[in-house]
C-alpha atoms as a PDB file:
ATOM      1  CA  UNK A   1      77.798-108.384 135.067  1.00  0.00           C
ATOM      2  CA  UNK A   2      76.845-108.382 138.665  1.00  0.00           C
ATOM      3  CA  UNK A   3      76.190-111.912 139.911  1.00  0.00           C
ATOM      4  CA  UNK A   4      77.483-112.902 143.135  1.00  0.00           C
ATOM      5  CA  UNK A   5      77.412-116.523 144.384  1.00  0.00           C
ATOM      6  CA  UNK A   6      79.368-118.930 146.081  1.00  0.00           C
ATOM      7  CA  UNK A   7      78.966-122.703 146.662  1.00  0.00           C
ATOM      8  CA  UNK A   8      77.233-122.195 149.921  1.00  0.00           C
ATOM      9  CA  UNK A   9      75.259-118.904 149.325  1.00  0.00           C
ATOM     10  CA  UNK A  10      72.892-117.249 147.154  1.00  0.00           C
ATOM     11  CA  UNK A  11      72.985-115.722 143.965  1.00  0.00           C
ATOM     12  CA  UNK A  12      72.342-111.981 143.896  1.00  0.00           C
ATOM     13  CA  UNK A  13      71.294-110.158 140.891  1.00  0.00           C
ATOM     14  CA  UNK A  14      71.962-105.912 140.652  1.00  0.00           C
ATOM     15  CA  UNK A  15      70.897-103.360 138.443  1.00  0.00           C
ATOM     16  CA  UNK A  16      70.496-103.921 134.978  1.00  0.00           C
ATOM     17  CA  UNK A  17      70.946-107.724 135.486  1.00  0.00           C
ATOM     18  CA  UNK A  18      68.272-107.892 137.986  1.00  0.00           C
ATOM     19  CA  UNK A  19      65.931-105.711 135.994  1.00  0.00           C
ATOM     20  CA  UNK A  20      66.355-108.051 133.144  1.00  0.00           C
ATOM     21  CA  UNK A  21      65.731-111.194 135.089  1.00  0.00           C
ATOM     22  CA  UNK A  22      62.508-110.070 136.224  1.00  0.00           C
ATOM     23  CA  UNK A  23      61.552-108.758 132.562  1.00  0.00           C
ATOM     24  CA  UNK A  24      62.544-112.556 131.596  1.00  0.00           C
ATOM     25  CA  UNK A  25      60.377-114.230 134.246  1.00  0.00           C
ATOM     26  CA  UNK A  26      57.240-112.008 133.313  1.00  0.00           C
ATOM     27  CA  UNK A  27      57.386-111.851 129.614  1.00  0.00           C
ATOM     28  CA  UNK A  28      59.495-114.676 127.687  1.00  0.00           C
ATOM     29  CA  UNK A  29      57.921-117.839 126.937  1.00  0.00           C
ATOM     30  CA  UNK A  30      58.851-120.888 128.056  1.00  0.00           C
ATOM     31  CA  UNK A  31      60.979-123.383 126.156  1.00  0.00           C
ATOM     32  CA  UNK A  32      58.973-126.075 124.729  1.00  0.00           C
ATOM     33  CA  UNK A  33      61.402-128.952 125.088  1.00  0.00           C
ATOM     34  CA  UNK A  34      61.946-127.769 129.098  1.00  0.00           C
ATOM     35  CA  UNK A  35      57.742-127.958 129.559  1.00  0.00           C
ATOM     36  CA  UNK A  36      58.005-131.519 127.608  1.00  0.00           C
ATOM     37  CA  UNK A  37      60.970-132.649 129.979  1.00  0.00           C
ATOM     38  CA  UNK A  38      58.806-131.617 133.022  1.00  0.00           C
ATOM     39  CA  UNK A  39      55.827-133.184 131.868  1.00  0.00           C
ATOM     40  CA  UNK A  40      57.690-136.841 131.579  1.00  0.00           C
ATOM     41  CA  UNK A  41      59.328-135.854 135.056  1.00  0.00           C
ATOM     42  CA  UNK A  42      56.050-135.354 136.491  1.00  0.00           C
ATOM     43  CA  UNK A  43      54.337-138.405 135.262  1.00  0.00           C
ATOM     44  CA  UNK A  44      57.082-140.493 136.440  1.00  0.00           C
ATOM     45  CA  UNK A  45      57.014-138.717 139.876  1.00  0.00           C
ATOM     46  CA  UNK A  46      53.145-139.916 140.123  1.00  0.00           C
ATOM     47  CA  UNK A  47      53.826-143.030 139.157  1.00  0.00           C
ATOM     48  CA  UNK A  48      56.781-143.729 141.834  1.00  0.00           C
ATOM     49  CA  UNK A  49      54.477-142.141 144.448  1.00  0.00           C
ATOM     50  CA  UNK A  50      51.705-144.656 143.685  1.00  0.00           C
ATOM     51  CA  UNK A  51      54.196-147.547 143.813  1.00  0.00           C
ATOM     52  CA  UNK A  52      53.835-148.211 140.115  1.00  0.00           C
ATOM     53  CA  UNK A  53      56.422-149.652 137.582  1.00  0.00           C
ATOM     54  CA  UNK A  54      57.786-147.372 135.083  1.00  0.00           C
ATOM     55  CA  UNK A  55      60.373-147.283 132.296  1.00  0.00           C
ATOM     56  CA  UNK A  56      62.699-144.686 131.171  1.00  0.00           C
ATOM     57  CA  UNK A  57      63.153-144.352 127.344  1.00  0.00           C
ATOM     58  CA  UNK A  58      66.646-144.161 126.285  1.00  0.00           C
ATOM     59  CA  UNK A  59      67.162-141.233 123.354  1.00  0.00           C
ATOM     60  CA  UNK A  60      70.304-142.277 121.310  1.00  0.00           C
END
């Protein structure tokens, strides 16, 4: 696999890995759990920006 990164640098993909990454970004469907988490985070962010109170739910 051709991935190059460091703590202070970027990640570089080349060859087949780069082609697969581009294909993944363009064609694969987003994870529904990630979309739900993003929606919850955006709602909290809006409340914070408006100065409103919010409560985090604990999943246990």
